[in-house]
Amino acid sequence: MTAGFSQNSSSSNSYSNRNYELDNVNVNPKISYLYNQNTRLELFCTFKDKENKMLNFETLKMHVIGSNFQYTGTESFSLNANANFYLNEFEGDTNSPVAYQMLEGLQPGTNFTWLLGLQKRLTSFLDLNLNYFGRKSEESKTIHTGNIQLRATF
C-alpha cells in the first residue's frame, strides 16, 4: 500500500492558460503473488484526486484497476504484460494544457491501456527488445504502438 500527497505547478507569463497549481492525493493498494522466483503476478487499484487551485479550478477523480505479469525465463528471456482500466471523472475544459497534465494524456470517461514487452539476450553484448503498447478511450479508435530495439553493449 502506498499513499501520498503532492503539489505541482506551472507558471507562464506569455500563456496564462498553461498556468496551474495542482493538489494531488494518491492511494495505491497492490497485491503481488510470487509463483516462483521467475514468475510474478500483481493486481492493483489506484485512486487519484487532483484539483487545480488556479483559473478554471478543474478537478479529476481517477480510478485505476490493473494487473501486471512478469516472467523471467532461462536463457536470458523475459516477458512483461500489463493491462489497466481507467475511469476518469473530470470537470473542466478537456482541451486545455491543464487537462492534459491532470488526465496524464488520457481522456475523460473510461480508458484502457495495455502493453506487452519481450526481451531476449542474443549474445553477451547484444539484446533484442520488442514492445507493443495499446490504448483505447470511449470516443477514439484504438491506438497501437510498437517498437523494436537491438542494443549492443560494448
C-alpha atoms as a PDB file:
ATOM      1  CA  MET A   1       0.000   0.000   0.000  1.00  0.00           C
ATOM      2  CA  THR A   2       1.299   3.414  -0.900  1.00  0.00           C
ATOM      3  CA  ALA A   3      -0.312   6.790  -0.421  1.00  0.00           C
ATOM      4  CA  GLY A   4       0.859  10.316  -0.976  1.00  0.00           C
ATOM      5  CA  PHE A   5       0.094  13.977  -1.186  1.00  0.00           C
ATOM      6  CA  SER A   6       1.874  16.235  -3.657  1.00  0.00           C
ATOM      7  CA  GLN A   7       1.702  19.581  -5.408  1.00  0.00           C
ATOM      8  CA  ASN A   8       2.945  20.595  -8.793  1.00  0.00           C
ATOM      9  CA  SER A   9       2.619  23.855 -10.641  1.00  0.00           C
ATOM     10  CA  SER A  10       3.436  25.671 -13.840  1.00  0.00           C
ATOM     11  CA  SER A  11       3.629  29.393 -14.446  1.00  0.00           C
ATOM     12  CA  SER A  12       3.928  31.159 -17.785  1.00  0.00           C
ATOM     13  CA  ASN A  13       3.759  34.910 -18.335  1.00  0.00           C
ATOM     14  CA  SER A  14       3.019  34.518 -22.052  1.00  0.00           C
ATOM     15  CA  TYR A  15       0.389  31.746 -21.907  1.00  0.00           C
ATOM     16  CA  SER A  16      -1.955  32.150 -18.947  1.00  0.00           C
ATOM     17  CA  ASN A  17      -3.987  29.049 -19.912  1.00  0.00           C
ATOM     18  CA  ARG A  18      -0.872  26.960 -19.120  1.00  0.00           C
ATOM     19  CA  ASN A  19      -0.755  28.152 -15.517  1.00  0.00           C
ATOM     20  CA  TYR A  20      -1.840  25.669 -12.886  1.00  0.00           C
ATOM     21  CA  GLU A  21      -1.302  24.683  -9.295  1.00  0.00           C
ATOM     22  CA  LEU A  22      -2.378  21.105  -8.636  1.00  0.00           C
ATOM     23  CA  ASP A  23      -3.017  19.475  -5.293  1.00  0.00           C
ATOM     24  CA  ASN A  24      -2.749  15.686  -5.694  1.00  0.00           C
ATOM     25  CA  VAL A  25      -3.831  12.810  -3.473  1.00  0.00           C
ATOM     26  CA  ASN A  26      -2.798   9.282  -4.478  1.00  0.00           C
ATOM     27  CA  VAL A  27      -3.738   5.943  -2.853  1.00  0.00           C
ATOM     28  CA  ASN A  28      -2.409   2.710  -4.368  1.00  0.00           C
ATOM     29  CA  PRO A  29      -3.052  -0.687  -2.753  1.00  0.00           C
ATOM     30  CA  LYS A  30      -1.373  -3.614  -4.530  1.00  0.00           C
ATOM     31  CA  ILE A  31      -1.175  -7.343  -4.003  1.00  0.00           C
ATOM     32  CA  SER A  32       1.638  -9.430  -5.500  1.00  0.00           C
ATOM     33  CA  TYR A  33       1.792 -13.176  -5.929  1.00  0.00           C
ATOM     34  CA  LEU A  34       5.227 -14.670  -6.466  1.00  0.00           C
ATOM     35  CA  TYR A  35       4.551 -18.052  -8.101  1.00  0.00           C
ATOM     36  CA  ASN A  36       8.244 -18.909  -8.166  1.00  0.00           C
ATOM     37  CA  GLN A  37      11.449 -16.906  -8.412  1.00  0.00           C
ATOM     38  CA  ASN A  38      10.802 -16.307 -12.125  1.00  0.00           C
ATOM     39  CA  THR A  39       7.070 -15.541 -12.212  1.00  0.00           C
ATOM     40  CA  ARG A  40       5.126 -12.711 -10.574  1.00  0.00           C
ATOM     41  CA  LEU A  41       1.534 -11.517 -10.857  1.00  0.00           C
ATOM     42  CA  GLU A  42       0.399  -8.173  -9.404  1.00  0.00           C
ATOM     43  CA  LEU A  43      -3.122  -6.817  -9.049  1.00  0.00           C
ATOM     44  CA  PHE A  44      -3.606  -3.205  -8.054  1.00  0.00           C
ATOM     45  CA  CYS A  45      -6.005  -0.346  -7.892  1.00  0.00           C
ATOM     46  CA  THR A  46      -5.238   3.340  -7.694  1.00  0.00           C
ATOM     47  CA  PHE A  47      -7.270   6.349  -6.702  1.00  0.00           C
ATOM     48  CA  LYS A  48      -6.062   9.835  -7.624  1.00  0.00           C
ATOM     49  CA  ASP A  49      -7.759  13.072  -6.688  1.00  0.00           C
ATOM     50  CA  LYS A  50      -6.407  16.181  -8.426  1.00  0.00           C
ATOM     51  CA  GLU A  51      -7.595  19.744  -8.015  1.00  0.00           C
ATOM     52  CA  ASN A  52      -6.392  22.863  -9.819  1.00  0.00           C
ATOM     53  CA  LYS A  53      -6.233  25.851  -7.464  1.00  0.00           C
ATOM     54  CA  MET A  54      -5.967  28.455 -10.282  1.00  0.00           C
ATOM     55  CA  LEU A  55      -8.077  29.862 -13.138  1.00  0.00           C
ATOM     56  CA  ASN A  56     -10.811  27.336 -14.041  1.00  0.00           C
ATOM     57  CA  PHE A  57     -10.448  25.152 -10.921  1.00  0.00           C
ATOM     58  CA  GLU A  58     -10.531  21.837 -12.790  1.00  0.00           C
ATOM     59  CA  THR A  59     -10.999  18.630 -10.789  1.00  0.00           C
ATOM     60  CA  LEU A  60     -10.256  14.982 -11.502  1.00  0.00           C
ATOM     61  CA  LYS A  61     -11.076  11.763  -9.721  1.00  0.00           C
ATOM     62  CA  MET A  62      -9.157   8.919 -11.389  1.00  0.00           C
ATOM     63  CA  HIS A  63      -9.855   5.269 -10.567  1.00  0.00           C
ATOM     64  CA  VAL A  64      -7.485   2.643 -11.989  1.00  0.00           C
ATOM     65  CA  ILE A  65      -7.724  -1.145 -11.806  1.00  0.00           C
ATOM     66  CA  GLY A  66      -4.831  -3.059 -13.300  1.00  0.00           C
ATOM     67  CA  SER A  67      -2.659  -6.130 -13.451  1.00  0.00           C
ATOM     68  CA  ASN A  68       0.963  -6.809 -14.240  1.00  0.00           C
ATOM     69  CA  PHE A  69       2.580 -10.137 -15.129  1.00  0.00           C
ATOM     70  CA  GLN A  70       6.340 -10.685 -15.216  1.00  0.00           C
ATOM     71  CA  TYR A  71       8.196 -13.786 -16.276  1.00  0.00           C
ATOM     72  CA  THR A  72      11.950 -14.205 -16.404  1.00  0.00           C
ATOM     73  CA  GLY A  73      12.893 -17.410 -18.153  1.00  0.00           C
ATOM     74  CA  THR A  74      16.049 -19.285 -18.668  1.00  0.00           C
ATOM     75  CA  GLU A  75      18.388 -18.336 -21.496  1.00  0.00           C
ATOM     76  CA  SER A  76      18.054 -14.593 -20.719  1.00  0.00           C
ATOM     77  CA  PHE A  77      14.449 -14.239 -21.830  1.00  0.00           C
ATOM     78  CA  SER A  78      11.866 -12.046 -20.084  1.00  0.00           C
ATOM     79  CA  LEU A  79       8.225 -11.159 -20.648  1.00  0.00           C
ATOM     80  CA  ASN A  80       6.213  -8.311 -19.150  1.00  0.00           C
ATOM     81  CA  ALA A  81       2.473  -7.825 -19.709  1.00  0.00           C
ATOM     82  CA  ASN A  82       0.287  -5.102 -18.232  1.00  0.00           C
ATOM     83  CA  ALA A  83      -3.401  -4.156 -18.551  1.00  0.00           C
ATOM     84  CA  ASN A  84      -5.204  -1.189 -16.971  1.00  0.00           C
ATOM     85  CA  PHE A  85      -8.755   0.124 -16.808  1.00  0.00           C
ATOM     86  CA  TYR A  86      -9.206   3.855 -16.033  1.00  0.00           C
ATOM     87  CA  LEU A  87     -12.332   5.720 -15.024  1.00  0.00           C
ATOM     88  CA  ASN A  88     -11.706   9.473 -15.165  1.00  0.00           C
ATOM     89  CA  GLU A  89     -14.276  11.828 -13.668  1.00  0.00           C
ATOM     90  CA  PHE A  90     -13.051  15.181 -14.965  1.00  0.00           C
ATOM     91  CA  GLU A  91     -14.687  18.593 -14.619  1.00  0.00           C
ATOM     92  CA  GLY A  92     -13.290  21.426 -16.735  1.00  0.00           C
ATOM     93  CA  ASP A  93     -12.151  22.197 -20.274  1.00  0.00           C
ATOM     94  CA  THR A  94     -10.796  18.934 -21.723  1.00  0.00           C
ATOM     95  CA  ASN A  95      -8.861  20.730 -24.489  1.00  0.00           C
ATOM     96  CA  SER A  96      -6.510  22.658 -22.238  1.00  0.00           C
ATOM     97  CA  PRO A  97      -2.890  22.068 -21.200  1.00  0.00           C
ATOM     98  CA  VAL A  98      -4.081  21.751 -17.598  1.00  0.00           C
ATOM     99  CA  ALA A  99      -6.488  18.941 -18.554  1.00  0.00           C
ATOM    100  CA  TYR A 100      -3.725  17.090 -20.425  1.00  0.00           C
ATOM    101  CA  GLN A 101      -1.495  17.298 -17.345  1.00  0.00           C
ATOM    102  CA  MET A 102      -4.231  16.206 -14.963  1.00  0.00           C
ATOM    103  CA  LEU A 103      -5.524  13.359 -17.152  1.00  0.00           C
ATOM    104  CA  GLU A 104      -1.960  12.129 -17.833  1.00  0.00           C
ATOM    105  CA  GLY A 105      -2.635  12.104 -21.585  1.00  0.00           C
ATOM    106  CA  LEU A 106      -5.845  10.068 -21.275  1.00  0.00           C
ATOM    107  CA  GLN A 107      -9.446  11.123 -21.914  1.00  0.00           C
ATOM    108  CA  PRO A 108     -12.366  11.726 -19.539  1.00  0.00           C
ATOM    109  CA  GLY A 109     -14.563   8.654 -19.041  1.00  0.00           C
ATOM    110  CA  THR A 110     -13.294   5.118 -19.497  1.00  0.00           C
ATOM    111  CA  ASN A 111      -9.861   4.304 -20.897  1.00  0.00           C
ATOM    112  CA  PHE A 112      -7.976   1.051 -21.384  1.00  0.00           C
ATOM    113  CA  THR A 113      -4.214   0.644 -21.743  1.00  0.00           C
ATOM    114  CA  TRP A 114      -2.113  -2.458 -22.230  1.00  0.00           C
ATOM    115  CA  LEU A 115       1.448  -3.400 -23.039  1.00  0.00           C
ATOM    116  CA  LEU A 116       3.475  -6.444 -23.902  1.00  0.00           C
ATOM    117  CA  GLY A 117       7.257  -6.414 -23.697  1.00  0.00           C
ATOM    118  CA  LEU A 118       9.722  -9.130 -24.643  1.00  0.00           C
ATOM    119  CA  GLN A 119      13.443  -9.013 -24.010  1.00  0.00           C
ATOM    120  CA  LYS A 120      15.962 -11.583 -25.235  1.00  0.00           C
ATOM    121  CA  ARG A 121      19.721 -11.599 -24.748  1.00  0.00           C
ATOM    122  CA  LEU A 122      21.124 -12.795 -28.084  1.00  0.00           C
ATOM    123  CA  THR A 123      24.802 -12.753 -27.143  1.00  0.00           C
ATOM    124  CA  SER A 124      26.852 -11.455 -24.227  1.00  0.00           C
ATOM    125  CA  PHE A 125      26.798  -7.979 -25.792  1.00  0.00           C
ATOM    126  CA  LEU A 126      23.590  -7.970 -27.886  1.00  0.00           C
ATOM    127  CA  ASP A 127      19.965  -7.612 -26.602  1.00  0.00           C
ATOM    128  CA  LEU A 128      16.709  -7.625 -28.553  1.00  0.00           C
ATOM    129  CA  ASN A 129      13.672  -5.760 -27.159  1.00  0.00           C
ATOM    130  CA  LEU A 130      10.160  -5.948 -28.631  1.00  0.00           C
ATOM    131  CA  ASN A 131       7.442  -3.690 -27.180  1.00  0.00           C
ATOM    132  CA  TYR A 132       3.772  -3.285 -28.030  1.00  0.00           C
ATOM    133  CA  PHE A 133       1.540  -0.637 -26.448  1.00  0.00           C
ATOM    134  CA  GLY A 134      -2.180  -0.112 -26.908  1.00  0.00           C
ATOM    135  CA  ARG A 135      -4.798   2.264 -25.609  1.00  0.00           C
ATOM    136  CA  LYS A 136      -8.494   2.864 -26.131  1.00  0.00           C
ATOM    137  CA  SER A 137     -10.854   5.522 -24.829  1.00  0.00           C
ATOM    138  CA  GLU A 138     -14.629   5.862 -25.157  1.00  0.00           C
ATOM    139  CA  GLU A 139     -14.645   8.205 -28.118  1.00  0.00           C
ATOM    140  CA  SER A 140     -11.467   7.340 -30.003  1.00  0.00           C
ATOM    141  CA  LYS A 141     -10.210   4.483 -32.086  1.00  0.00           C
ATOM    142  CA  THR A 142      -7.744   2.032 -30.615  1.00  0.00           C
ATOM    143  CA  ILE A 143      -4.166   3.255 -30.860  1.00  0.00           C
ATOM    144  CA  HIS A 144      -1.461   0.631 -31.382  1.00  0.00           C
ATOM    145  CA  THR A 145       2.232   1.430 -30.998  1.00  0.00           C
ATOM    146  CA  GLY A 146       5.192  -0.888 -31.243  1.00  0.00           C
ATOM    147  CA  ASN A 147       8.935  -0.706 -31.341  1.00  0.00           C
ATOM    148  CA  ILE A 148      11.891  -2.981 -31.823  1.00  0.00           C
ATOM    149  CA  GLN A 149      15.289  -2.261 -30.335  1.00  0.00           C
ATOM    150  CA  LEU A 150      18.553  -4.059 -30.925  1.00  0.00           C
ATOM    151  CA  ARG A 151      21.031  -2.903 -28.289  1.00  0.00           C
ATOM    152  CA  ALA A 152      24.753  -3.521 -28.311  1.00  0.00           C
ATOM    153  CA  THR A 153      26.771  -3.140 -25.117  1.00  0.00           C
ATOM    154  CA  PHE A 154      30.484  -2.633 -25.555  1.00  0.00           C
END
